[in-house]
Structures are given as structure tokens and as C-alpha cells.
PDB file of N, CA and C in Angstrom:
ATOM      1  N   MET A   1      27.807  16.770  -4.461  1.00  0.00           N
ATOM      2  CA  MET A   1      27.164  17.437  -3.317  1.00  0.00           C
ATOM      3  C   MET A   1      26.151  16.395  -2.746  1.00  0.00           C
ATOM      4  N   ILE A   2      26.159  16.283  -1.449  1.00  0.00           N
ATOM      5  CA  ILE A   2      25.198  15.352  -0.787  1.00  0.00           C
ATOM      6  C   ILE A   2      23.925  16.129  -0.414  1.00  0.00           C
ATOM      7  N   PRO A   3      22.803  15.491  -0.793  1.00  0.00           N
ATOM      8  CA  PRO A   3      21.569  16.117  -0.457  1.00  0.00           C
ATOM      9  C   PRO A   3      21.377  16.274   1.036  1.00  0.00           C
ATOM     10  N   ASN A   4      20.678  17.292   1.472  1.00  0.00           N
ATOM     11  CA  ASN A   4      20.463  17.579   2.928  1.00  0.00           C
ATOM     12  C   ASN A   4      19.826  16.408   3.683  1.00  0.00           C
ATOM     13  N   TRP A   5      18.903  15.741   3.092  1.00  0.00           N
ATOM     14  CA  TRP A   5      18.277  14.595   3.785  1.00  0.00           C
ATOM     15  C   TRP A   5      19.211  13.486   4.068  1.00  0.00           C
ATOM     16  N   LEU A   6      20.279  13.384   3.273  1.00  0.00           N
ATOM     17  CA  LEU A   6      21.291  12.282   3.399  1.00  0.00           C
ATOM     18  C   LEU A   6      22.139  12.430   4.699  1.00  0.00           C
ATOM     19  N   THR A   7      22.227  13.643   5.262  1.00  0.00           N
ATOM     20  CA  THR A   7      23.013  13.813   6.470  1.00  0.00           C
ATOM     21  C   THR A   7      22.355  13.136   7.671  1.00  0.00           C
ATOM     22  N   SER A   8      21.124  12.677   7.526  1.00  0.00           N
ATOM     23  CA  SER A   8      20.489  11.984   8.604  1.00  0.00           C
ATOM     24  C   SER A   8      20.858  10.506   8.634  1.00  0.00           C
ATOM     25  N   PHE A   9      21.589  10.022   7.642  1.00  0.00           N
ATOM     26  CA  PHE A   9      22.000   8.664   7.575  1.00  0.00           C
ATOM     27  C   PHE A   9      23.502   8.530   7.564  1.00  0.00           C
ATOM     28  N   GLU A  10      24.004   7.421   8.051  1.00  0.00           N
ATOM     29  CA  GLU A  10      25.444   7.191   8.107  1.00  0.00           C
ATOM     30  C   GLU A  10      25.746   6.054   7.035  1.00  0.00           C
ATOM     31  N   SER A  11      26.690   6.377   6.186  1.00  0.00           N
ATOM     32  CA  SER A  11      27.109   5.413   5.198  1.00  0.00           C
ATOM     33  C   SER A  11      27.998   4.308   5.843  1.00  0.00           C
ATOM     34  N   ARG A  12      27.972   3.184   5.190  1.00  0.00           N
ATOM     35  CA  ARG A  12      28.705   2.029   5.724  1.00  0.00           C
ATOM     36  C   ARG A  12      30.012   1.837   4.932  1.00  0.00           C
ATOM     37  N   TYR A  13      29.921   1.228   3.734  1.00  0.00           N
ATOM     38  CA  TYR A  13      31.071   0.943   2.970  1.00  0.00           C
ATOM     39  C   TYR A  13      30.797   1.441   1.512  1.00  0.00           C
ATOM     40  N   PRO A  14      31.698   2.098   0.892  1.00  0.00           N
ATOM     41  CA  PRO A  14      32.795   2.897   1.517  1.00  0.00           C
ATOM     42  C   PRO A  14      32.205   4.089   2.208  1.00  0.00           C
ATOM     43  N   GLU A  15      32.915   4.538   3.169  1.00  0.00           N
ATOM     44  CA  GLU A  15      32.407   5.600   4.048  1.00  0.00           C
ATOM     45  C   GLU A  15      32.118   6.890   3.246  1.00  0.00           C
ATOM     46  N   ASP A  16      32.944   7.221   2.205  1.00  0.00           N
ATOM     47  CA  ASP A  16      32.757   8.438   1.499  1.00  0.00           C
ATOM     48  C   ASP A  16      31.925   8.202   0.197  1.00  0.00           C
ATOM     49  N   ASP A  17      31.219   7.111   0.089  1.00  0.00           N
ATOM     50  CA  ASP A  17      30.358   6.837  -1.132  1.00  0.00           C
ATOM     51  C   ASP A  17      29.244   7.820  -1.154  1.00  0.00           C
ATOM     52  N   VAL A  18      29.104   8.497  -2.289  1.00  0.00           N
ATOM     53  CA  VAL A  18      27.955   9.488  -2.403  1.00  0.00           C
ATOM     54  C   VAL A  18      27.077   9.032  -3.581  1.00  0.00           C
ATOM     55  N   ASP A  19      27.168   7.776  -4.020  1.00  0.00           N
ATOM     56  CA  ASP A  19      26.209   7.300  -5.063  1.00  0.00           C
ATOM     57  C   ASP A  19      24.988   6.806  -4.249  1.00  0.00           C
ATOM     58  N   VAL A  20      24.012   7.633  -4.119  1.00  0.00           N
ATOM     59  CA  VAL A  20      22.942   7.320  -3.222  1.00  0.00           C
ATOM     60  C   VAL A  20      21.592   7.061  -4.026  1.00  0.00           C
ATOM     61  N   GLU A  21      21.658   6.895  -5.295  1.00  0.00           N
ATOM     62  CA  GLU A  21      20.498   6.718  -6.107  1.00  0.00           C
ATOM     63  C   GLU A  21      19.561   5.614  -5.664  1.00  0.00           C
ATOM     64  N   ALA A  22      20.106   4.388  -5.434  1.00  0.00           N
ATOM     65  CA  ALA A  22      19.306   3.250  -4.966  1.00  0.00           C
ATOM     66  C   ALA A  22      18.710   3.545  -3.603  1.00  0.00           C
ATOM     67  N   PHE A  23      19.512   4.119  -2.735  1.00  0.00           N
ATOM     68  CA  PHE A  23      19.046   4.476  -1.327  1.00  0.00           C
ATOM     69  C   PHE A  23      17.913   5.525  -1.467  1.00  0.00           C
ATOM     70  N   TYR A  24      18.128   6.487  -2.284  1.00  0.00           N
ATOM     71  CA  TYR A  24      17.065   7.559  -2.439  1.00  0.00           C
ATOM     72  C   TYR A  24      15.832   6.922  -2.976  1.00  0.00           C
ATOM     73  N   GLN A  25      15.908   6.045  -3.956  1.00  0.00           N
ATOM     74  CA  GLN A  25      14.672   5.382  -4.474  1.00  0.00           C
ATOM     75  C   GLN A  25      13.998   4.587  -3.407  1.00  0.00           C
ATOM     76  N   MET A  26      14.728   3.857  -2.530  1.00  0.00           N
ATOM     77  CA  MET A  26      14.074   3.145  -1.455  1.00  0.00           C
ATOM     78  C   MET A  26      13.396   4.057  -0.426  1.00  0.00           C
ATOM     79  N   CYS A  27      14.117   5.140  -0.065  1.00  0.00           N
ATOM     80  CA  CYS A  27      13.529   6.107   0.849  1.00  0.00           C
ATOM     81  C   CYS A  27      12.261   6.736   0.273  1.00  0.00           C
ATOM     82  N   ALA A  28      12.290   7.104  -1.009  1.00  0.00           N
ATOM     83  CA  ALA A  28      11.153   7.733  -1.692  1.00  0.00           C
ATOM     84  C   ALA A  28       9.978   6.780  -1.702  1.00  0.00           C
ATOM     85  N   TRP A  29      10.198   5.414  -1.997  1.00  0.00           N
ATOM     86  CA  TRP A  29       9.205   4.484  -1.986  1.00  0.00           C
ATOM     87  C   TRP A  29       8.556   4.317  -0.617  1.00  0.00           C
ATOM     88  N   VAL A  30       9.384   4.245   0.424  1.00  0.00           N
ATOM     89  CA  VAL A  30       8.891   4.105   1.781  1.00  0.00           C
ATOM     90  C   VAL A  30       8.006   5.261   2.145  1.00  0.00           C
ATOM     91  N   ASN A  31       8.430   6.474   1.814  1.00  0.00           N
ATOM     92  CA  ASN A  31       7.661   7.705   2.051  1.00  0.00           C
ATOM     93  C   ASN A  31       6.335   7.697   1.257  1.00  0.00           C
ATOM     94  N   SER A  32       6.327   7.112   0.077  1.00  0.00           N
ATOM     95  CA  SER A  32       5.127   7.075  -0.752  1.00  0.00           C
ATOM     96  C   SER A  32       4.110   6.104  -0.181  1.00  0.00           C
ATOM     97  N   THR A  33       4.487   5.266   0.745  1.00  0.00           N
ATOM     98  CA  THR A  33       3.524   4.368   1.378  1.00  0.00           C
ATOM     99  C   THR A  33       3.042   4.834   2.761  1.00  0.00           C
ATOM    100  N   ASN A  34       3.504   5.951   3.196  1.00  0.00           N
ATOM    101  CA  ASN A  34       3.143   6.478   4.524  1.00  0.00           C
ATOM    102  C   ASN A  34       1.637   6.937   4.465  1.00  0.00           C
ATOM    103  N   PRO A  35       0.780   6.289   5.219  1.00  0.00           N
ATOM    104  CA  PRO A  35      -0.642   6.596   5.181  1.00  0.00           C
ATOM    105  C   PRO A  35      -0.896   8.042   5.783  1.00  0.00           C
ATOM    106  N   ASP A  36      -0.064   8.456   6.658  1.00  0.00           N
ATOM    107  CA  ASP A  36      -0.276   9.838   7.205  1.00  0.00           C
ATOM    108  C   ASP A  36       0.033  10.927   6.232  1.00  0.00           C
ATOM    109  N   GLU A  37       0.632  10.577   5.122  1.00  0.00           N
ATOM    110  CA  GLU A  37       1.019  11.548   4.097  1.00  0.00           C
ATOM    111  C   GLU A  37       0.035  11.592   2.919  1.00  0.00           C
ATOM    112  N   ALA A  38      -1.021  10.698   3.008  1.00  0.00           N
ATOM    113  CA  ALA A  38      -1.996  10.645   1.906  1.00  0.00           C
ATOM    114  C   ALA A  38      -2.588  12.018   1.625  1.00  0.00           C
ATOM    115  N   THR A  39      -2.695  12.307   0.359  1.00  0.00           N
ATOM    116  CA  THR A  39      -3.128  13.671  -0.045  1.00  0.00           C
ATOM    117  C   THR A  39      -4.632  13.765  -0.396  1.00  0.00           C
ATOM    118  N   GLU A  40      -5.261  12.596  -0.617  1.00  0.00           N
ATOM    119  CA  GLU A  40      -6.657  12.506  -1.057  1.00  0.00           C
ATOM    120  C   GLU A  40      -6.846  13.007  -2.470  1.00  0.00           C
ATOM    121  N   ASN A  41      -5.765  13.316  -3.186  1.00  0.00           N
ATOM    122  CA  ASN A  41      -5.785  13.689  -4.554  1.00  0.00           C
ATOM    123  C   ASN A  41      -5.970  12.488  -5.497  1.00  0.00           C
ATOM    124  N   ALA A  42      -6.428  12.709  -6.708  1.00  0.00           N
ATOM    125  CA  ALA A  42      -6.635  11.645  -7.668  1.00  0.00           C
ATOM    126  C   ALA A  42      -5.231  11.150  -8.089  1.00  0.00           C
ATOM    127  N   LEU A  43      -5.103   9.831  -8.282  1.00  0.00           N
ATOM    128  CA  LEU A  43      -3.878   9.281  -8.800  1.00  0.00           C
ATOM    129  C   LEU A  43      -3.769   9.606 -10.317  1.00  0.00           C
ATOM    130  N   ALA A  44      -2.594   9.665 -10.841  1.00  0.00           N
ATOM    131  CA  ALA A  44      -2.361   9.895 -12.275  1.00  0.00           C
ATOM    132  C   ALA A  44      -3.179   8.908 -13.106  1.00  0.00           C
ATOM    133  N   GLU A  45      -3.200   7.619 -12.692  1.00  0.00           N
ATOM    134  CA  GLU A  45      -3.984   6.677 -13.329  1.00  0.00           C
ATOM    135  C   GLU A  45      -4.380   5.559 -12.260  1.00  0.00           C
ATOM    136  N   PRO A  46      -5.536   5.004 -12.348  1.00  0.00           N
ATOM    137  CA  PRO A  46      -5.974   4.006 -11.341  1.00  0.00           C
ATOM    138  C   PRO A  46      -4.926   2.844 -11.205  1.00  0.00           C
ATOM    139  N   VAL A  47      -4.801   2.328  -9.964  1.00  0.00           N
ATOM    140  CA  VAL A  47      -3.902   1.215  -9.686  1.00  0.00           C
ATOM    141  C   VAL A  47      -4.748   0.137  -9.030  1.00  0.00           C
ATOM    142  N   THR A  48      -4.468  -1.126  -9.419  1.00  0.00           N
ATOM    143  CA  THR A  48      -5.240  -2.253  -8.845  1.00  0.00           C
ATOM    144  C   THR A  48      -4.251  -3.155  -8.068  1.00  0.00           C
ATOM    145  N   TYR A  49      -4.603  -3.370  -6.799  1.00  0.00           N
ATOM    146  CA  TYR A  49      -3.877  -4.292  -5.908  1.00  0.00           C
ATOM    147  C   TYR A  49      -4.840  -5.348  -5.345  1.00  0.00           C
ATOM    148  N   ALA A  50      -4.536  -6.565  -5.548  1.00  0.00           N
ATOM    149  CA  ALA A  50      -5.376  -7.658  -5.021  1.00  0.00           C
ATOM    150  C   ALA A  50      -6.821  -7.548  -5.428  1.00  0.00           C
ATOM    151  N   GLY A  51      -7.043  -7.140  -6.685  1.00  0.00           N
ATOM    152  CA  GLY A  51      -8.394  -7.031  -7.188  1.00  0.00           C
ATOM    153  C   GLY A  51      -9.160  -5.796  -6.839  1.00  0.00           C
ATOM    154  N   VAL A  52      -8.523  -4.948  -6.047  1.00  0.00           N
ATOM    155  CA  VAL A  52      -9.184  -3.654  -5.667  1.00  0.00           C
ATOM    156  C   VAL A  52      -8.515  -2.548  -6.370  1.00  0.00           C
ATOM    157  N   GLN A  53      -9.410  -1.696  -7.054  1.00  0.00           N
ATOM    158  CA  GLN A  53      -8.849  -0.589  -7.845  1.00  0.00           C
ATOM    159  C   GLN A  53      -8.840   0.682  -6.993  1.00  0.00           C
ATOM    160  N   TYR A  54      -7.698   1.407  -7.003  1.00  0.00           N
ATOM    161  CA  TYR A  54      -7.591   2.629  -6.301  1.00  0.00           C
ATOM    162  C   TYR A  54      -7.400   3.765  -7.220  1.00  0.00           C
ATOM    163  N   SER A  55      -8.113   4.872  -7.031  1.00  0.00           N
ATOM    164  CA  SER A  55      -7.942   6.027  -7.962  1.00  0.00           C
ATOM    165  C   SER A  55      -7.655   7.256  -7.174  1.00  0.00           C
ATOM    166  N   THR A  56      -7.557   7.150  -5.826  1.00  0.00           N
ATOM    167  CA  THR A  56      -7.292   8.243  -4.918  1.00  0.00           C
ATOM    168  C   THR A  56      -6.134   7.919  -4.045  1.00  0.00           C
ATOM    169  N   ASP A  57      -5.276   8.895  -3.777  1.00  0.00           N
ATOM    170  CA  ASP A  57      -4.163   8.757  -2.840  1.00  0.00           C
ATOM    171  C   ASP A  57      -4.707   8.845  -1.415  1.00  0.00           C
ATOM    172  N   ASN A  58      -5.210   7.711  -0.924  1.00  0.00           N
ATOM    173  CA  ASN A  58      -5.705   7.770   0.473  1.00  0.00           C
ATOM    174  C   ASN A  58      -4.990   6.738   1.300  1.00  0.00           C
ATOM    175  N   ARG A  59      -5.392   6.644   2.550  1.00  0.00           N
ATOM    176  CA  ARG A  59      -4.710   5.696   3.476  1.00  0.00           C
ATOM    177  C   ARG A  59      -4.786   4.309   3.030  1.00  0.00           C
ATOM    178  N   GLU A  60      -5.938   3.864   2.534  1.00  0.00           N
ATOM    179  CA  GLU A  60      -6.172   2.434   2.083  1.00  0.00           C
ATOM    180  C   GLU A  60      -5.240   2.218   0.860  1.00  0.00           C
ATOM    181  N   TYR A  61      -5.139   3.110  -0.034  1.00  0.00           N
ATOM    182  CA  TYR A  61      -4.314   2.899  -1.211  1.00  0.00           C
ATOM    183  C   TYR A  61      -2.815   2.763  -0.773  1.00  0.00           C
ATOM    184  N   ARG A  62      -2.383   3.653   0.070  1.00  0.00           N
ATOM    185  CA  ARG A  62      -0.977   3.562   0.533  1.00  0.00           C
ATOM    186  C   ARG A  62      -0.649   2.261   1.303  1.00  0.00           C
ATOM    187  N   LEU A  63      -1.556   1.771   2.104  1.00  0.00           N
ATOM    188  CA  LEU A  63      -1.341   0.539   2.754  1.00  0.00           C
ATOM    189  C   LEU A  63      -1.283  -0.631   1.773  1.00  0.00           C
ATOM    190  N   ALA A  64      -2.205  -0.619   0.806  1.00  0.00           N
ATOM    191  CA  ALA A  64      -2.195  -1.612  -0.219  1.00  0.00           C
ATOM    192  C   ALA A  64      -0.921  -1.569  -1.070  1.00  0.00           C
ATOM    193  N   LYS A  65      -0.464  -0.388  -1.360  1.00  0.00           N
ATOM    194  CA  LYS A  65       0.815  -0.217  -2.106  1.00  0.00           C
ATOM    195  C   LYS A  65       1.963  -0.814  -1.324  1.00  0.00           C
ATOM    196  N   PHE A  66       2.033  -0.532  -0.024  1.00  0.00           N
ATOM    197  CA  PHE A  66       3.055  -1.093   0.821  1.00  0.00           C
ATOM    198  C   PHE A  66       3.064  -2.606   0.751  1.00  0.00           C
ATOM    199  N   LYS A  67       1.906  -3.184   1.057  1.00  0.00           N
ATOM    200  CA  LYS A  67       1.754  -4.650   1.091  1.00  0.00           C
ATOM    201  C   LYS A  67       2.105  -5.296  -0.217  1.00  0.00           C
ATOM    202  N   ASN A  68       1.741  -4.699  -1.331  1.00  0.00           N
ATOM    203  CA  ASN A  68       1.899  -5.351  -2.636  1.00  0.00           C
ATOM    204  C   ASN A  68       3.245  -5.045  -3.328  1.00  0.00           C
ATOM    205  N   GLU A  69       3.912  -3.981  -2.928  1.00  0.00           N
ATOM    206  CA  GLU A  69       5.203  -3.640  -3.549  1.00  0.00           C
ATOM    207  C   GLU A  69       6.400  -3.891  -2.624  1.00  0.00           C
ATOM    208  N   PHE A  70       6.143  -4.311  -1.384  1.00  0.00           N
ATOM    209  CA  PHE A  70       7.246  -4.479  -0.440  1.00  0.00           C
ATOM    210  C   PHE A  70       8.370  -5.277  -0.923  1.00  0.00           C
ATOM    211  N   GLU A  71       8.071  -6.389  -1.539  1.00  0.00           N
ATOM    212  CA  GLU A  71       9.145  -7.312  -1.940  1.00  0.00           C
ATOM    213  C   GLU A  71       9.861  -6.854  -3.205  1.00  0.00           C
ATOM    214  N   GLU A  72       9.413  -5.759  -3.768  1.00  0.00           N
ATOM    215  CA  GLU A  72      10.217  -5.118  -4.899  1.00  0.00           C
ATOM    216  C   GLU A  72      11.307  -4.289  -4.347  1.00  0.00           C
ATOM    217  N   HIS A  73      11.288  -3.918  -3.090  1.00  0.00           N
ATOM    218  CA  HIS A  73      12.227  -3.045  -2.476  1.00  0.00           C
ATOM    219  C   HIS A  73      13.006  -3.706  -1.302  1.00  0.00           C
ATOM    220  N   PHE A  74      12.498  -4.758  -0.695  1.00  0.00           N
ATOM    221  CA  PHE A  74      13.099  -5.393   0.455  1.00  0.00           C
ATOM    222  C   PHE A  74      13.102  -6.911   0.252  1.00  0.00           C
ATOM    223  N   ASN A  75      13.966  -7.576   0.946  1.00  0.00           N
ATOM    224  CA  ASN A  75      13.913  -9.013   1.057  1.00  0.00           C
ATOM    225  C   ASN A  75      13.097  -9.327   2.298  1.00  0.00           C
ATOM    226  N   LYS A  76      11.913  -9.868   2.090  1.00  0.00           N
ATOM    227  CA  LYS A  76      10.983 -10.107   3.207  1.00  0.00           C
ATOM    228  C   LYS A  76      11.593 -11.015   4.282  1.00  0.00           C
ATOM    229  N   ASN A  77      12.310 -12.091   3.889  1.00  0.00           N
ATOM    230  CA  ASN A  77      12.875 -12.996   4.848  1.00  0.00           C
ATOM    231  C   ASN A  77      13.937 -12.254   5.719  1.00  0.00           C
ATOM    232  N   PHE A  78      14.737 -11.455   5.113  1.00  0.00           N
ATOM    233  CA  PHE A  78      15.792 -10.716   5.892  1.00  0.00           C
ATOM    234  C   PHE A  78      15.096  -9.764   6.910  1.00  0.00           C
ATOM    235  N   VAL A  79      14.099  -9.083   6.431  1.00  0.00           N
ATOM    236  CA  VAL A  79      13.372  -8.088   7.279  1.00  0.00           C
ATOM    237  C   VAL A  79      12.689  -8.833   8.481  1.00  0.00           C
ATOM    238  N   LEU A  80      12.015  -9.907   8.180  1.00  0.00           N
ATOM    239  CA  LEU A  80      11.376 -10.657   9.279  1.00  0.00           C
ATOM    240  C   LEU A  80      12.367 -11.229  10.247  1.00  0.00           C
ATOM    241  N   PHE A  81      13.501 -11.777   9.713  1.00  0.00           N
ATOM    242  CA  PHE A  81      14.493 -12.279  10.614  1.00  0.00           C
ATOM    243  C   PHE A  81      15.045 -11.242  11.568  1.00  0.00           C
ATOM    244  N   TYR A  82      15.321 -10.020  10.929  1.00  0.00           N
ATOM    245  CA  TYR A  82      15.840  -8.898  11.828  1.00  0.00           C
ATOM    246  C   TYR A  82      14.846  -8.531  12.848  1.00  0.00           C
ATOM    247  N   TYR A  83      13.558  -8.481  12.470  1.00  0.00           N
ATOM    248  CA  TYR A  83      12.510  -8.068  13.448  1.00  0.00           C
ATOM    249  C   TYR A  83      12.434  -9.100  14.564  1.00  0.00           C
ATOM    250  N   VAL A  84      12.354 -10.411  14.233  1.00  0.00           N
ATOM    251  CA  VAL A  84      12.252 -11.452  15.237  1.00  0.00           C
ATOM    252  C   VAL A  84      13.528 -11.480  16.127  1.00  0.00           C
ATOM    253  N   LEU A  85      14.709 -11.478  15.536  1.00  0.00           N
ATOM    254  CA  LEU A  85      15.900 -11.447  16.233  1.00  0.00           C
ATOM    255  C   LEU A  85      16.032 -10.309  17.240  1.00  0.00           C
ATOM    256  N   THR A  86      15.676  -9.111  16.851  1.00  0.00           N
ATOM    257  CA  THR A  86      15.728  -8.000  17.789  1.00  0.00           C
ATOM    258  C   THR A  86      14.681  -8.122  18.822  1.00  0.00           C
ATOM    259  N   HIS A  87      13.549  -8.750  18.489  1.00  0.00           N
ATOM    260  CA  HIS A  87      12.525  -8.918  19.574  1.00  0.00           C
ATOM    261  C   HIS A  87      12.950  -9.932  20.554  1.00  0.00           C
ATOM    262  N   VAL A  88      13.471 -11.084  20.123  1.00  0.00           N
ATOM    263  CA  VAL A  88      13.879 -12.171  21.049  1.00  0.00           C
ATOM    264  C   VAL A  88      15.065 -11.684  21.899  1.00  0.00           C
ATOM    265  N   LEU A  89      15.976 -10.967  21.322  1.00  0.00           N
ATOM    266  CA  LEU A  89      17.160 -10.520  22.083  1.00  0.00           C
ATOM    267  C   LEU A  89      16.914  -9.179  22.855  1.00  0.00           C
ATOM    268  N   LEU A  90      15.692  -8.740  22.940  1.00  0.00           N
ATOM    269  CA  LEU A  90      15.295  -7.521  23.579  1.00  0.00           C
ATOM    270  C   LEU A  90      16.046  -6.302  23.083  1.00  0.00           C
ATOM    271  N   MET A  91      16.226  -6.202  21.755  1.00  0.00           N
ATOM    272  CA  MET A  91      16.965  -5.035  21.170  1.00  0.00           C
ATOM    273  C   MET A  91      16.007  -4.125  20.479  1.00  0.00           C
ATOM    274  N   ILE A  92      14.729  -4.086  20.909  1.00  0.00           N
ATOM    275  CA  ILE A  92      13.789  -3.317  20.194  1.00  0.00           C
ATOM    276  C   ILE A  92      13.965  -1.806  20.382  1.00  0.00           C
ATOM    277  N   ASP A  93      14.685  -1.416  21.339  1.00  0.00           N
ATOM    278  CA  ASP A  93      14.860   0.071  21.521  1.00  0.00           C
ATOM    279  C   ASP A  93      15.816   0.675  20.496  1.00  0.00           C
ATOM    280  N   SER A  94      16.553  -0.133  19.781  1.00  0.00           N
ATOM    281  CA  SER A  94      17.581   0.403  18.876  1.00  0.00           C
ATOM    282  C   SER A  94      17.478  -0.272  17.457  1.00  0.00           C
ATOM    283  N   ARG A  95      16.281  -0.703  17.089  1.00  0.00           N
ATOM    284  CA  ARG A  95      16.077  -1.305  15.781  1.00  0.00           C
ATOM    285  C   ARG A  95      16.502  -0.458  14.629  1.00  0.00           C
ATOM    286  N   ALA A  96      15.998   0.763  14.600  1.00  0.00           N
ATOM    287  CA  ALA A  96      16.381   1.646  13.501  1.00  0.00           C
ATOM    288  C   ALA A  96      17.844   2.085  13.521  1.00  0.00           C
ATOM    289  N   LYS A  97      18.297   2.397  14.783  1.00  0.00           N
ATOM    290  CA  LYS A  97      19.671   2.878  14.881  1.00  0.00           C
ATOM    291  C   LYS A  97      20.718   1.892  14.459  1.00  0.00           C
ATOM    292  N   ASN A  98      20.477   0.560  14.697  1.00  0.00           N
ATOM    293  CA  ASN A  98      21.445  -0.475  14.421  1.00  0.00           C
ATOM    294  C   ASN A  98      21.180  -1.131  13.075  1.00  0.00           C
ATOM    295  N   MET A  99      20.101  -0.801  12.387  1.00  0.00           N
ATOM    296  CA  MET A  99      19.836  -1.450  11.125  1.00  0.00           C
ATOM    297  C   MET A  99      20.806  -0.997  10.044  1.00  0.00           C
ATOM    298  N   MET A 100      21.318  -1.899   9.241  1.00  0.00           N
ATOM    299  CA  MET A 100      22.228  -1.504   8.134  1.00  0.00           C
ATOM    300  C   MET A 100      21.598  -1.995   6.841  1.00  0.00           C
ATOM    301  N   ILE A 101      21.140  -1.031   6.054  1.00  0.00           N
ATOM    302  CA  ILE A 101      20.520  -1.336   4.811  1.00  0.00           C
ATOM    303  C   ILE A 101      21.619  -1.532   3.760  1.00  0.00           C
ATOM    304  N   ALA A 102      21.447  -2.635   2.997  1.00  0.00           N
ATOM    305  CA  ALA A 102      22.472  -2.990   1.982  1.00  0.00           C
ATOM    306  C   ALA A 102      21.779  -3.464   0.701  1.00  0.00           C
ATOM    307  N   THR A 103      22.418  -3.397  -0.363  1.00  0.00           N
ATOM    308  CA  THR A 103      21.941  -3.850  -1.622  1.00  0.00           C
ATOM    309  C   THR A 103      22.974  -4.619  -2.375  1.00  0.00           C
ATOM    310  N   TRP A 104      22.583  -5.623  -3.077  1.00  0.00           N
ATOM    311  CA  TRP A 104      23.553  -6.420  -3.829  1.00  0.00           C
ATOM    312  C   TRP A 104      23.370  -6.162  -5.349  1.00  0.00           C
ATOM    313  N   ASP A 105      22.208  -5.555  -5.665  1.00  0.00           N
ATOM    314  CA  ASP A 105      21.878  -5.335  -7.079  1.00  0.00           C
ATOM    315  C   ASP A 105      21.347  -3.987  -7.412  1.00  0.00           C
ATOM    316  N   ASN A 106      21.477  -3.046  -6.500  1.00  0.00           N
ATOM    317  CA  ASN A 106      20.917  -1.675  -6.624  1.00  0.00           C
ATOM    318  C   ASN A 106      19.442  -1.728  -6.740  1.00  0.00           C
TER     319      ASN A 106
END
């Protein structure tokens, strides 16, 4: 059974692939870095990024989490190349629509 949130995405290869665990983990991580979703609740345990300790789920913590964990989930060079290419070729109106997320190692 495909989760409801998955119907918002279109699979690439194979088209009927329903093994979405790696994709779900990536989406969950991206959501966990959204500063607009910060709860201001205490974190289960303090986290330190770049020498700064965070103990509350706030905007600053989520931004630091994004910056410090980004390369655990994405290839920075590929992402930057895609951003620059779409900017130079004036394709910025369809960046998300045309992006194809792929993994080679889950």
C-alpha cells in the first residue's frame, strides 16, 4: 500500500516501485529542518553544531541542522550544479517540477 503523501510524487524507474523507505527518510529529514515548523519544545538531548549547543527545537536549531547535515542526505555539487544550470537557462519556474531525485546507495 502506498502512503497518501507519496501520491504527490511521481516515480521514475521502475514506475511501479513502491520501496520508498530511502525517499521517505529524505523527505522526513527535509521536513525536520523547516524553520516554520519549529515547535519550541525541548530536544530529547542537546545537539551541538559548529560549536553551538541547541536544546530547543527553534528556528536557529533547524537552520543549523540543515547546514550541518545537508551532505548526509544530498550531494552538494549535484544540487549546486542543478541550481546554477536552471538559473542560467532561465528554468527557475519549474525547478521542483523537473527535478528528479535519485540515489545510488539508498
